[in-house]
Amino acid sequence: MSALRKICVRVTRRDRRRNLDILKELDIHRDIVQVLQTRRLTYFGHVTRTVSDRYPQLLLYGYTHGRRPKGRPRKKWLDNIRDDCKEMGVTIYDASQLDRYK
């Protein structure tokens, strides 16, 4: 938010202007859900591009043996990734190949 305050002609915290007012002035419309989806997909791409013997990669594609408890299955992190990809119109393969710095 501090970068947006600097863009908005040197507005500081002492000016007591709300963050929402600055976002409206700069005409920025960001939804928190979209921010979380893009960050989650960015981290997913980072994890999938790492070496296969690192812990994040092992945990992402690993499998635990045994039985799950009764009831509804718990939602996994990869299920959230699938939902985010479906909503954004991107395949999981494309999401794993996305580069943050492009």
N, C-alpha and C. Protein backbone atom coordinates (compact mmCIF):
# COMPACT_ATOMS: atom_id res chain seq x y z
N MET A 1 0.82 -1.19 0.00
CA MET A 1 0.00 0.00 0.00
C MET A 1 0.87 1.24 0.00
N SER A 2 2.07 1.15 0.57
CA SER A 2 2.94 2.32 0.62
C SER A 2 3.36 2.75 -0.77
N ALA A 3 3.53 1.79 -1.68
CA ALA A 3 3.89 2.14 -3.05
C ALA A 3 2.75 2.91 -3.72
N LEU A 4 1.53 2.50 -3.45
CA LEU A 4 0.39 3.21 -4.03
C LEU A 4 0.26 4.62 -3.45
N ARG A 5 0.61 4.78 -2.20
CA ARG A 5 0.59 6.11 -1.62
C ARG A 5 1.63 7.01 -2.26
N LYS A 6 2.78 6.46 -2.61
CA LYS A 6 3.80 7.25 -3.28
C LYS A 6 3.40 7.60 -4.70
N ILE A 7 2.69 6.70 -5.36
CA ILE A 7 2.20 6.98 -6.71
C ILE A 7 1.19 8.12 -6.67
N CYS A 8 0.42 8.17 -5.62
CA CYS A 8 -0.65 9.14 -5.48
C CYS A 8 -0.10 10.46 -4.93
N VAL A 9 0.91 11.00 -5.57
CA VAL A 9 1.51 12.30 -5.28
C VAL A 9 1.88 12.43 -3.80
N ARG A 10 2.77 11.57 -3.36
CA ARG A 10 3.38 11.66 -2.03
C ARG A 10 2.37 11.76 -0.89
N VAL A 11 1.42 10.88 -0.86
CA VAL A 11 0.48 10.82 0.25
C VAL A 11 1.11 9.95 1.33
N THR A 12 1.24 10.46 2.53
CA THR A 12 1.84 9.71 3.61
C THR A 12 0.77 9.26 4.59
N ARG A 13 1.19 8.48 5.58
CA ARG A 13 0.25 8.03 6.61
C ARG A 13 -0.20 9.19 7.49
N ARG A 14 0.58 10.22 7.56
CA ARG A 14 0.21 11.38 8.37
C ARG A 14 -0.97 12.13 7.77
N ASP A 15 -1.20 11.95 6.48
CA ASP A 15 -2.34 12.62 5.83
C ASP A 15 -3.67 12.02 6.23
N ARG A 16 -3.63 10.88 6.90
CA ARG A 16 -4.83 10.20 7.39
C ARG A 16 -5.86 9.92 6.31
N ARG A 17 -5.37 9.46 5.18
CA ARG A 17 -6.28 9.07 4.10
C ARG A 17 -6.40 7.57 4.11
N ARG A 18 -7.60 7.09 3.94
CA ARG A 18 -7.86 5.66 4.00
C ARG A 18 -7.33 4.96 2.76
N ASN A 19 -7.00 3.68 2.94
CA ASN A 19 -6.50 2.88 1.83
C ASN A 19 -7.55 2.74 0.73
N LEU A 20 -8.80 2.62 1.12
CA LEU A 20 -9.87 2.49 0.13
C LEU A 20 -10.00 3.75 -0.72
N ASP A 21 -9.81 4.91 -0.10
CA ASP A 21 -9.88 6.16 -0.86
C ASP A 21 -8.74 6.25 -1.88
N ILE A 22 -7.57 5.80 -1.49
CA ILE A 22 -6.43 5.82 -2.42
C ILE A 22 -6.65 4.84 -3.56
N LEU A 23 -7.19 3.66 -3.25
CA LEU A 23 -7.49 2.69 -4.31
C LEU A 23 -8.54 3.23 -5.28
N LYS A 24 -9.54 3.93 -4.76
CA LYS A 24 -10.56 4.53 -5.64
C LYS A 24 -9.96 5.62 -6.51
N GLU A 25 -9.08 6.43 -5.92
CA GLU A 25 -8.45 7.52 -6.67
C GLU A 25 -7.59 6.99 -7.82
N LEU A 26 -6.91 5.89 -7.57
CA LEU A 26 -6.06 5.29 -8.62
C LEU A 26 -6.84 4.35 -9.53
N ASP A 27 -8.13 4.15 -9.24
CA ASP A 27 -9.02 3.30 -10.03
C ASP A 27 -8.50 1.86 -10.09
N ILE A 28 -8.22 1.33 -8.89
CA ILE A 28 -7.75 -0.05 -8.77
C ILE A 28 -8.85 -0.86 -8.10
N HIS A 29 -9.27 -1.92 -8.78
CA HIS A 29 -10.31 -2.80 -8.25
C HIS A 29 -9.71 -4.20 -8.11
N ARG A 30 -9.34 -4.55 -6.89
CA ARG A 30 -8.76 -5.86 -6.64
C ARG A 30 -9.61 -6.58 -5.61
N ASP A 31 -9.93 -7.81 -5.94
CA ASP A 31 -10.69 -8.64 -5.03
C ASP A 31 -9.71 -9.53 -4.28
N ILE A 32 -9.91 -9.71 -3.00
CA ILE A 32 -8.98 -10.50 -2.18
C ILE A 32 -8.94 -11.94 -2.65
N VAL A 33 -10.05 -12.45 -3.17
CA VAL A 33 -10.08 -13.83 -3.67
C VAL A 33 -9.16 -13.97 -4.88
N GLN A 34 -9.18 -13.00 -5.77
CA GLN A 34 -8.30 -13.06 -6.94
C GLN A 34 -6.84 -12.96 -6.54
N VAL A 35 -6.54 -12.16 -5.54
CA VAL A 35 -5.16 -12.03 -5.07
C VAL A 35 -4.68 -13.36 -4.50
N LEU A 36 -5.53 -14.00 -3.69
CA LEU A 36 -5.15 -15.29 -3.12
C LEU A 36 -4.98 -16.36 -4.19
N GLN A 37 -5.85 -16.35 -5.20
CA GLN A 37 -5.73 -17.34 -6.28
C GLN A 37 -4.43 -17.17 -7.04
N THR A 38 -4.09 -15.95 -7.38
CA THR A 38 -2.86 -15.75 -8.14
C THR A 38 -1.63 -16.10 -7.31
N ARG A 39 -1.64 -15.78 -6.03
CA ARG A 39 -0.50 -16.15 -5.18
C ARG A 39 -0.39 -17.65 -5.01
N ARG A 40 -1.53 -18.32 -4.87
CA ARG A 40 -1.52 -19.77 -4.72
C ARG A 40 -1.01 -20.43 -5.99
N LEU A 41 -1.45 -19.95 -7.15
CA LEU A 41 -0.98 -20.51 -8.42
C LEU A 41 0.49 -20.19 -8.66
N THR A 42 0.93 -19.03 -8.23
CA THR A 42 2.35 -18.69 -8.37
C THR A 42 3.21 -19.63 -7.54
N TYR A 43 2.78 -19.88 -6.31
CA TYR A 43 3.54 -20.80 -5.45
C TYR A 43 3.48 -22.23 -5.99
N PHE A 44 2.35 -22.60 -6.55
CA PHE A 44 2.22 -23.93 -7.16
C PHE A 44 3.21 -24.09 -8.30
N GLY A 45 3.32 -23.09 -9.14
CA GLY A 45 4.28 -23.14 -10.24
C GLY A 45 5.71 -23.22 -9.72
N HIS A 46 5.99 -22.50 -8.66
CA HIS A 46 7.33 -22.52 -8.07
C HIS A 46 7.66 -23.92 -7.52
N VAL A 47 6.69 -24.53 -6.84
CA VAL A 47 6.93 -25.84 -6.25
C VAL A 47 7.10 -26.90 -7.34
N THR A 48 6.31 -26.83 -8.38
CA THR A 48 6.40 -27.86 -9.43
C THR A 48 7.69 -27.75 -10.24
N ARG A 49 8.31 -26.58 -10.25
CA ARG A 49 9.56 -26.43 -11.00
C ARG A 49 10.80 -26.77 -10.17
N THR A 50 10.62 -27.06 -8.88
CA THR A 50 11.77 -27.38 -8.05
C THR A 50 12.23 -28.81 -8.32
N VAL A 51 13.36 -29.15 -7.74
CA VAL A 51 13.92 -30.49 -7.87
C VAL A 51 12.99 -31.49 -7.19
N SER A 52 12.88 -32.68 -7.75
CA SER A 52 11.87 -33.63 -7.28
C SER A 52 12.18 -34.23 -5.91
N ASP A 53 13.39 -34.08 -5.37
CA ASP A 53 13.67 -34.65 -4.06
C ASP A 53 13.53 -33.64 -2.92
N ARG A 54 13.03 -32.44 -3.21
CA ARG A 54 12.79 -31.43 -2.17
C ARG A 54 11.47 -31.73 -1.46
N TYR A 55 11.37 -31.32 -0.20
CA TYR A 55 10.20 -31.64 0.60
C TYR A 55 8.88 -31.08 0.04
N PRO A 56 8.83 -29.83 -0.43
CA PRO A 56 7.54 -29.36 -0.96
C PRO A 56 7.03 -30.21 -2.13
N GLN A 57 7.93 -30.64 -2.99
CA GLN A 57 7.53 -31.47 -4.12
C GLN A 57 7.08 -32.85 -3.63
N LEU A 58 7.80 -33.41 -2.68
CA LEU A 58 7.41 -34.71 -2.13
C LEU A 58 6.04 -34.64 -1.45
N LEU A 59 5.79 -33.56 -0.74
CA LEU A 59 4.50 -33.42 -0.06
C LEU A 59 3.37 -33.17 -1.05
N LEU A 60 3.66 -32.49 -2.13
CA LEU A 60 2.62 -32.20 -3.12
C LEU A 60 2.17 -33.46 -3.83
N TYR A 61 3.11 -34.29 -4.24
CA TYR A 61 2.78 -35.47 -5.03
C TYR A 61 2.88 -36.77 -4.23
N GLY A 62 3.14 -36.67 -2.93
CA GLY A 62 3.29 -37.85 -2.11
C GLY A 62 1.96 -38.51 -1.81
N TYR A 63 2.06 -39.72 -1.28
CA TYR A 63 0.87 -40.49 -0.94
C TYR A 63 1.09 -41.14 0.40
N THR A 64 0.11 -41.06 1.28
CA THR A 64 0.20 -41.74 2.56
C THR A 64 -0.65 -42.99 2.52
N HIS A 65 -0.13 -44.04 3.07
CA HIS A 65 -0.86 -45.30 3.08
C HIS A 65 -1.74 -45.35 4.31
N GLY A 66 -2.79 -46.10 4.20
CA GLY A 66 -3.70 -46.24 5.32
C GLY A 66 -5.10 -45.81 4.95
N ARG A 67 -5.94 -45.78 5.93
CA ARG A 67 -7.34 -45.44 5.70
C ARG A 67 -7.63 -44.05 6.25
N ARG A 68 -8.52 -43.38 5.57
CA ARG A 68 -8.98 -42.08 6.04
C ARG A 68 -10.15 -42.27 7.00
N PRO A 69 -10.42 -41.27 7.81
CA PRO A 69 -11.56 -41.40 8.72
C PRO A 69 -12.88 -41.33 7.95
N LYS A 70 -13.93 -41.77 8.61
CA LYS A 70 -15.26 -41.73 8.00
C LYS A 70 -15.68 -40.29 7.73
N GLY A 71 -16.60 -40.15 6.80
CA GLY A 71 -17.17 -38.83 6.54
C GLY A 71 -16.66 -38.23 5.25
N ARG A 72 -16.94 -36.97 5.12
CA ARG A 72 -16.55 -36.26 3.92
C ARG A 72 -15.04 -36.14 3.84
N PRO A 73 -14.47 -36.38 2.65
CA PRO A 73 -13.02 -36.26 2.52
C PRO A 73 -12.58 -34.81 2.72
N ARG A 74 -11.44 -34.65 3.36
CA ARG A 74 -10.90 -33.31 3.57
C ARG A 74 -10.41 -32.73 2.25
N LYS A 75 -10.52 -31.43 2.13
CA LYS A 75 -10.08 -30.76 0.93
C LYS A 75 -8.56 -30.62 0.96
N LYS A 76 -7.93 -31.02 -0.11
CA LYS A 76 -6.48 -30.95 -0.20
C LYS A 76 -6.08 -29.65 -0.88
N TRP A 77 -4.82 -29.30 -0.74
CA TRP A 77 -4.31 -28.09 -1.36
C TRP A 77 -4.39 -28.18 -2.87
N LEU A 78 -4.16 -29.36 -3.42
CA LEU A 78 -4.24 -29.55 -4.87
C LEU A 78 -5.67 -29.39 -5.37
N ASP A 79 -6.66 -29.69 -4.53
CA ASP A 79 -8.05 -29.45 -4.91
C ASP A 79 -8.31 -27.95 -5.06
N ASN A 80 -7.74 -27.15 -4.18
CA ASN A 80 -7.86 -25.69 -4.30
C ASN A 80 -7.20 -25.21 -5.59
N ILE A 81 -6.06 -25.79 -5.94
CA ILE A 81 -5.37 -25.42 -7.17
C ILE A 81 -6.23 -25.74 -8.38
N ARG A 82 -6.84 -26.93 -8.37
CA ARG A 82 -7.72 -27.31 -9.49
C ARG A 82 -8.89 -26.34 -9.63
N ASP A 83 -9.49 -25.96 -8.50
CA ASP A 83 -10.61 -25.02 -8.54
C ASP A 83 -10.17 -23.65 -9.05
N ASP A 84 -8.99 -23.19 -8.60
CA ASP A 84 -8.48 -21.90 -9.06
C ASP A 84 -8.19 -21.93 -10.56
N CYS A 85 -7.61 -23.02 -11.03
CA CYS A 85 -7.30 -23.14 -12.46
C CYS A 85 -8.58 -23.16 -13.28
N LYS A 86 -9.57 -23.87 -12.80
CA LYS A 86 -10.84 -23.95 -13.53
C LYS A 86 -11.50 -22.57 -13.60
N GLU A 87 -11.46 -21.84 -12.50
CA GLU A 87 -12.08 -20.52 -12.46
C GLU A 87 -11.35 -19.51 -13.34
N MET A 88 -10.01 -19.63 -13.41
CA MET A 88 -9.22 -18.70 -14.22
C MET A 88 -9.08 -19.16 -15.67
N GLY A 89 -9.55 -20.36 -15.97
CA GLY A 89 -9.48 -20.84 -17.35
C GLY A 89 -8.09 -21.29 -17.75
N VAL A 90 -7.34 -21.85 -16.80
CA VAL A 90 -5.98 -22.30 -17.04
C VAL A 90 -5.92 -23.78 -16.67
N THR A 91 -5.19 -24.56 -17.44
CA THR A 91 -5.00 -25.96 -17.06
C THR A 91 -3.94 -26.05 -15.97
N ILE A 92 -3.91 -27.18 -15.27
CA ILE A 92 -2.93 -27.35 -14.20
C ILE A 92 -1.52 -27.36 -14.78
N TYR A 93 -1.37 -27.93 -15.95
CA TYR A 93 -0.05 -27.95 -16.59
C TYR A 93 0.41 -26.53 -16.90
N ASP A 94 -0.48 -25.71 -17.45
CA ASP A 94 -0.12 -24.32 -17.74
C ASP A 94 0.21 -23.55 -16.47
N ALA A 95 -0.53 -23.83 -15.40
CA ALA A 95 -0.26 -23.15 -14.13
C ALA A 95 1.11 -23.55 -13.58
N SER A 96 1.51 -24.77 -13.80
CA SER A 96 2.81 -25.20 -13.31
C SER A 96 3.95 -24.58 -14.13
N GLN A 97 3.67 -24.17 -15.35
CA GLN A 97 4.68 -23.58 -16.21
C GLN A 97 4.70 -22.06 -16.17
N LEU A 98 3.72 -21.45 -15.50
CA LEU A 98 3.68 -19.99 -15.43
C LEU A 98 4.89 -19.47 -14.69
N ASP A 99 5.44 -18.39 -15.18
CA ASP A 99 6.58 -17.77 -14.54
C ASP A 99 6.15 -16.44 -14.00
N ARG A 100 6.48 -16.16 -12.79
CA ARG A 100 6.07 -14.94 -12.12
C ARG A 100 6.70 -13.70 -12.75
N TYR A 101 7.88 -13.84 -13.33
CA TYR A 101 8.64 -12.68 -13.79
C TYR A 101 8.44 -12.36 -15.27
N LYS A 102 7.45 -12.96 -15.91
CA LYS A 102 7.21 -12.65 -17.33
C LYS A 102 6.41 -11.40 -17.47
